Amino acid sequence: MYTLQIALYGQKQDAPAPISFIIIKIPSRHPVLNSMAATQTSLNIDDARFPLPGQEFEQQATPEVETKDFDYSKRSQWLRAAVLGANDGLVSIGSLMMGVGAVKQDVKAMILTGCAGLVAGASSMAIGEFVSVQSQLDIELAQIKRDKQLRRDSEELPEEEEGEKANLPSPTQASAASALSFALGASVPVLAASFIGQYKLRLGVVVAAVTVALMAFGWLGAVLGKAPTIKSSLRVLIGGWFAMAITFGLTKSIGSTGL
């Protein structure tokens, strides 16, 4: 008995499972050969066929990967609060700083106003989102309880009830997403105004920073929600420009009256 793998591969770890060959000499007059001439009575290594490393993996059938459609409705529970908070932080704090800048050229007044609005707005968004989503959750739980009492088929009840509860909103998740995104959005105009001393240049930088951030948040929200990116970004941008323009114009008009 002679092992070909040992002769060709040595003691390598990646060698395939050993295949042993037994060389048997058959007499030329053996009945099995019939009229065939037994001219070759030994096995040639060159004629031997054996699996090479990797061939057995290529021959294996590729397993089919099952893909399931992702449920984007679950993502919308926190995505809505995050997009609303970021947009609110950008627009409200940017507009607030533009309004202060319309009557006061002091950079310190703009920064303090922006920081105060950031803290107050993030707290307000977190509390408001928690209360509103908790109210929605209470209503949906009460409806599930009423539906449970009306169902007669008890066999389908556990699966249906489990599916309904899986899609329920989370007040804590929505509250955290709203507060964090508001603070992130509000920090953009505050940081943009902190490094510019010149009055007109500072206003321009604030508008530019808010514009870029609005486009970015609008695009990100559209990508996460699988919505049209250009349409969503333009909608958010135009709304932010409109709010800042109204705030700046009204504050400038009121300040010019001497009140």
Protein backbone atom coordinates (compact mmCIF):
# COMPACT_ATOMS: atom_id res chain seq x y z
CA MET A 1 0.00 0.00 0.00
CA TYR A 2 1.41 3.40 -0.97
CA THR A 3 -0.05 6.84 -0.19
CA LEU A 4 0.33 9.31 -3.09
CA GLN A 5 -0.61 12.40 -1.07
CA ILE A 6 2.33 11.91 1.27
CA ALA A 7 4.68 11.64 -1.67
CA LEU A 8 3.39 14.81 -3.36
CA TYR A 9 2.29 17.01 -0.47
CA GLY A 10 4.48 15.78 2.34
CA GLN A 11 3.06 16.54 5.75
CA LYS A 12 1.24 19.78 4.74
CA GLN A 13 -1.86 20.64 6.71
CA ASP A 14 -3.83 21.71 3.65
CA ALA A 15 -3.37 18.36 1.89
CA PRO A 16 -6.62 16.53 1.10
CA ALA A 17 -7.64 13.34 2.79
CA PRO A 18 -5.19 10.56 1.90
CA ILE A 19 -6.24 8.15 -0.82
CA SER A 20 -4.45 4.82 -0.83
CA PHE A 21 -3.89 2.69 -3.91
CA ILE A 22 -3.21 -1.04 -3.89
CA ILE A 23 -1.15 -2.25 -6.84
CA ILE A 24 -2.18 -5.74 -7.83
CA LYS A 25 -0.45 -7.70 -10.54
CA ILE A 26 -2.89 -9.70 -12.63
CA PRO A 27 -1.62 -12.59 -14.72
CA SER A 28 -1.86 -12.15 -18.46
CA ARG A 29 -4.08 -15.22 -18.77
CA HIS A 30 -6.56 -14.08 -16.12
CA PRO A 31 -10.19 -14.43 -17.31
CA VAL A 32 -10.97 -10.84 -16.41
CA LEU A 33 -8.68 -9.53 -19.08
CA ASN A 34 -10.17 -11.71 -21.79
CA SER A 35 -8.42 -10.78 -25.00
CA MET A 36 -6.79 -7.61 -23.63
CA ALA A 37 -3.06 -7.75 -23.24
CA ALA A 38 -1.87 -7.09 -19.74
CA THR A 39 1.07 -4.97 -20.67
CA GLN A 40 0.88 -2.52 -17.74
CA THR A 41 1.00 -4.19 -14.36
CA SER A 42 1.95 -1.21 -12.19
CA LEU A 43 0.30 2.12 -11.43
CA ASN A 44 1.91 5.23 -12.89
CA ILE A 45 1.91 8.33 -10.67
CA ASP A 46 1.47 10.52 -13.76
CA ASP A 47 -1.79 8.73 -14.63
CA ALA A 48 -3.20 8.91 -11.12
CA ARG A 49 -5.96 11.43 -10.50
CA PHE A 50 -6.56 12.87 -7.07
CA PRO A 51 -8.26 16.02 -5.72
CA LEU A 52 -6.14 19.12 -5.36
CA PRO A 53 -6.60 21.61 -2.51
CA GLY A 54 -9.58 23.84 -3.23
CA GLN A 55 -11.15 21.63 -5.89
CA GLU A 56 -13.51 19.97 -3.47
CA PHE A 57 -14.69 23.41 -2.36
CA GLU A 58 -15.31 24.50 -5.94
CA GLN A 59 -17.31 21.37 -6.65
CA GLN A 60 -19.60 21.97 -3.72
CA ALA A 61 -22.88 23.61 -4.58
CA THR A 62 -23.08 27.23 -3.53
CA PRO A 63 -25.75 27.54 -0.83
CA GLU A 64 -28.57 29.88 -1.59
CA VAL A 65 -28.72 32.90 0.66
CA GLU A 66 -32.22 33.84 1.60
CA THR A 67 -32.78 37.56 1.80
CA LYS A 68 -35.69 39.06 3.66
CA ASP A 69 -37.20 42.43 2.93
CA PHE A 70 -36.26 44.95 5.58
CA ASP A 71 -39.18 46.55 7.38
CA TYR A 72 -38.51 50.29 7.19
CA SER A 73 -41.61 51.06 9.24
CA LYS A 74 -39.71 50.04 12.39
CA ARG A 75 -36.93 52.46 11.54
CA SER A 76 -39.43 55.28 11.10
CA GLN A 77 -40.23 55.18 14.83
CA TRP A 78 -36.95 56.89 15.73
CA LEU A 79 -36.10 58.32 12.30
CA ARG A 80 -39.06 60.67 12.37
CA ALA A 81 -38.03 62.06 15.77
CA ALA A 82 -34.37 62.35 14.72
CA VAL A 83 -35.10 64.19 11.47
CA LEU A 84 -37.58 66.49 13.20
CA GLY A 85 -35.14 67.25 16.02
CA ALA A 86 -32.18 67.96 13.72
CA ASN A 87 -34.24 70.15 11.42
CA ASP A 88 -35.80 71.97 14.36
CA GLY A 89 -32.40 72.57 15.96
CA LEU A 90 -30.89 73.94 12.77
CA VAL A 91 -33.81 76.15 11.81
CA SER A 92 -34.84 77.45 15.24
CA ILE A 93 -31.37 78.19 16.60
CA GLY A 94 -30.13 79.49 13.25
CA SER A 95 -33.16 81.76 12.97
CA LEU A 96 -32.78 82.85 16.60
CA MET A 97 -29.15 83.81 16.09
CA MET A 98 -30.00 85.61 12.86
CA GLY A 99 -32.70 87.54 14.70
CA VAL A 100 -30.30 88.60 17.44
CA GLY A 101 -27.69 89.46 14.82
CA ALA A 102 -30.20 91.71 13.09
CA VAL A 103 -30.30 94.10 16.07
CA LYS A 104 -26.96 93.43 17.81
CA GLN A 105 -23.56 93.04 16.22
CA ASP A 106 -21.94 91.63 19.36
CA VAL A 107 -20.70 88.08 18.77
CA LYS A 108 -21.03 87.25 22.46
CA ALA A 109 -24.76 87.98 22.40
CA MET A 110 -25.27 85.67 19.42
CA ILE A 111 -23.32 82.80 20.98
CA LEU A 112 -25.05 83.07 24.37
CA THR A 113 -28.42 83.19 22.65
CA GLY A 114 -27.55 80.12 20.60
CA CYS A 115 -26.33 78.13 23.63
CA ALA A 116 -29.40 79.02 25.67
CA GLY A 117 -31.65 78.03 22.80
CA LEU A 118 -29.75 74.74 22.37
CA VAL A 119 -30.26 73.65 25.98
CA ALA A 120 -33.86 74.82 26.17
CA GLY A 121 -34.79 73.36 22.80
CA ALA A 122 -33.20 69.94 23.42
CA SER A 123 -34.97 69.64 26.77
CA SER A 124 -38.27 70.74 25.29
CA MET A 125 -37.99 68.34 22.36
CA ALA A 126 -37.12 65.39 24.62
CA ILE A 127 -40.01 65.98 27.00
CA GLY A 128 -42.52 66.75 24.28
CA GLU A 129 -41.54 63.70 22.22
CA PHE A 130 -41.71 61.41 25.24
CA VAL A 131 -45.17 62.62 26.27
CA SER A 132 -46.60 62.45 22.75
CA VAL A 133 -45.21 59.00 21.93
CA GLN A 134 -46.26 57.66 25.33
CA SER A 135 -49.80 58.83 24.65
CA GLN A 136 -49.72 57.10 21.28
CA LEU A 137 -48.40 53.93 22.92
CA ASP A 138 -51.17 53.93 25.52
CA ILE A 139 -53.81 54.26 22.81
CA GLU A 140 -52.37 51.43 20.73
CA LEU A 141 -52.03 49.13 23.75
CA ALA A 142 -55.63 49.79 24.69
CA GLN A 143 -56.71 48.99 21.13
CA ILE A 144 -54.73 45.73 21.16
CA LYS A 145 -56.42 44.78 24.42
CA ARG A 146 -59.86 45.43 22.95
CA ASP A 147 -59.02 43.45 19.82
CA LYS A 148 -57.80 40.58 21.97
CA GLN A 149 -61.14 40.32 23.69
CA LEU A 150 -63.01 40.31 20.38
CA ARG A 151 -60.99 37.56 18.76
CA ARG A 152 -62.52 34.13 18.87
CA ASP A 153 -59.79 32.10 17.21
CA SER A 154 -57.30 31.51 20.02
CA GLU A 155 -54.82 29.67 17.79
CA GLU A 156 -53.98 32.74 15.73
CA LEU A 157 -53.95 35.06 18.69
CA PRO A 158 -50.34 34.70 19.92
CA GLU A 159 -48.75 35.31 16.52
CA GLU A 160 -50.97 38.26 15.69
CA GLU A 161 -50.49 39.83 19.10
CA GLU A 162 -46.73 39.38 18.91
CA GLY A 163 -46.61 41.07 15.50
CA GLU A 164 -48.68 44.01 16.72
CA LYS A 165 -46.52 44.56 19.80
CA ALA A 166 -43.32 44.41 17.73
CA ASN A 167 -44.38 47.53 15.81
CA LEU A 168 -45.27 49.60 18.86
CA PRO A 169 -43.38 52.90 19.26
CA SER A 170 -40.80 53.43 22.00
CA PRO A 171 -41.16 56.71 23.94
CA THR A 172 -37.62 56.52 25.35
CA GLN A 173 -36.06 55.86 21.97
CA ALA A 174 -37.97 58.67 20.30
CA SER A 175 -37.17 61.09 23.14
CA ALA A 176 -33.44 60.36 23.05
CA ALA A 177 -33.29 60.59 19.26
CA SER A 178 -35.12 63.92 19.27
CA ALA A 179 -32.97 65.52 21.99
CA LEU A 180 -29.63 64.35 20.57
CA SER A 181 -30.48 65.33 17.02
CA PHE A 182 -31.73 68.75 18.16
CA ALA A 183 -28.49 69.40 20.03
CA LEU A 184 -26.46 68.25 17.04
CA GLY A 185 -28.37 70.48 14.65
CA ALA A 186 -28.31 73.50 16.98
CA SER A 187 -24.55 73.22 17.48
CA VAL A 188 -23.92 73.96 13.79
CA PRO A 189 -24.86 77.68 13.79
CA VAL A 190 -23.39 78.16 17.28
CA LEU A 191 -20.00 76.81 16.26
CA ALA A 192 -20.10 78.66 12.95
CA ALA A 193 -20.59 82.01 14.69
CA SER A 194 -17.98 81.37 17.38
CA PHE A 195 -14.94 81.86 15.14
CA ILE A 196 -16.03 84.88 13.09
CA GLY A 197 -15.60 88.36 14.53
CA GLN A 198 -16.80 90.48 11.61
CA TYR A 199 -20.54 91.09 11.74
CA LYS A 200 -21.60 90.64 8.10
CA LEU A 201 -19.21 87.78 7.51
CA ARG A 202 -20.51 86.06 10.64
CA LEU A 203 -24.09 86.23 9.39
CA GLY A 204 -23.05 84.84 6.02
CA VAL A 205 -21.12 81.98 7.61
CA VAL A 206 -24.10 81.08 9.81
CA VAL A 207 -26.41 80.97 6.78
CA ALA A 208 -23.91 78.89 4.79
CA ALA A 209 -23.35 76.43 7.64
CA VAL A 210 -27.07 76.00 8.22
CA THR A 211 -27.62 75.52 4.48
CA VAL A 212 -25.05 72.73 4.22
CA ALA A 213 -26.34 71.06 7.38
CA LEU A 214 -29.96 71.20 6.18
CA MET A 215 -28.99 69.57 2.91
CA ALA A 216 -27.00 66.88 4.74
CA PHE A 217 -29.75 66.08 7.24
CA GLY A 218 -32.39 66.04 4.52
CA TRP A 219 -30.29 63.68 2.40
CA LEU A 220 -29.51 61.40 5.35
CA GLY A 221 -33.14 61.16 6.38
CA ALA A 222 -34.15 60.31 2.81
CA VAL A 223 -31.48 57.61 2.51
CA LEU A 224 -32.43 55.96 5.81
CA GLY A 225 -36.11 56.07 4.92
CA LYS A 226 -35.60 55.04 1.27
CA ALA A 227 -37.21 58.25 0.01
CA PRO A 228 -36.22 60.52 -2.92
CA THR A 229 -33.02 62.26 -1.78
CA ILE A 230 -33.12 65.41 -3.94
CA LYS A 231 -36.76 66.17 -3.23
CA SER A 232 -36.33 65.63 0.50
CA SER A 233 -33.17 67.76 0.71
CA LEU A 234 -34.71 70.66 -1.22
CA ARG A 235 -37.85 70.56 0.91
CA VAL A 236 -35.84 70.82 4.12
CA LEU A 237 -33.54 73.51 2.69
CA ILE A 238 -36.31 75.78 1.42
CA GLY A 239 -38.17 75.53 4.72
CA GLY A 240 -35.05 76.49 6.67
CA TRP A 241 -34.29 79.45 4.43
CA PHE A 242 -37.87 80.66 4.72
CA ALA A 243 -37.79 80.52 8.54
CA MET A 244 -34.46 82.36 8.82
CA ALA A 245 -35.55 85.04 6.35
CA ILE A 246 -38.80 85.72 8.22
CA THR A 247 -37.05 85.88 11.61
CA PHE A 248 -34.30 88.18 10.37
CA GLY A 249 -36.70 90.46 8.51
CA LEU A 250 -39.23 90.83 11.33
CA THR A 251 -36.56 91.36 13.99
CA LYS A 252 -34.81 93.93 11.83
CA SER A 253 -38.09 95.77 11.26
CA ILE A 254 -38.97 95.77 14.96
CA GLY A 255 -35.47 96.87 15.93
CA SER A 256 -35.54 99.77 13.47
CA THR A 257 -38.62 101.23 15.16
CA GLY A 258 -36.65 101.90 18.34
CA LEU A 259 -38.67 99.57 20.60
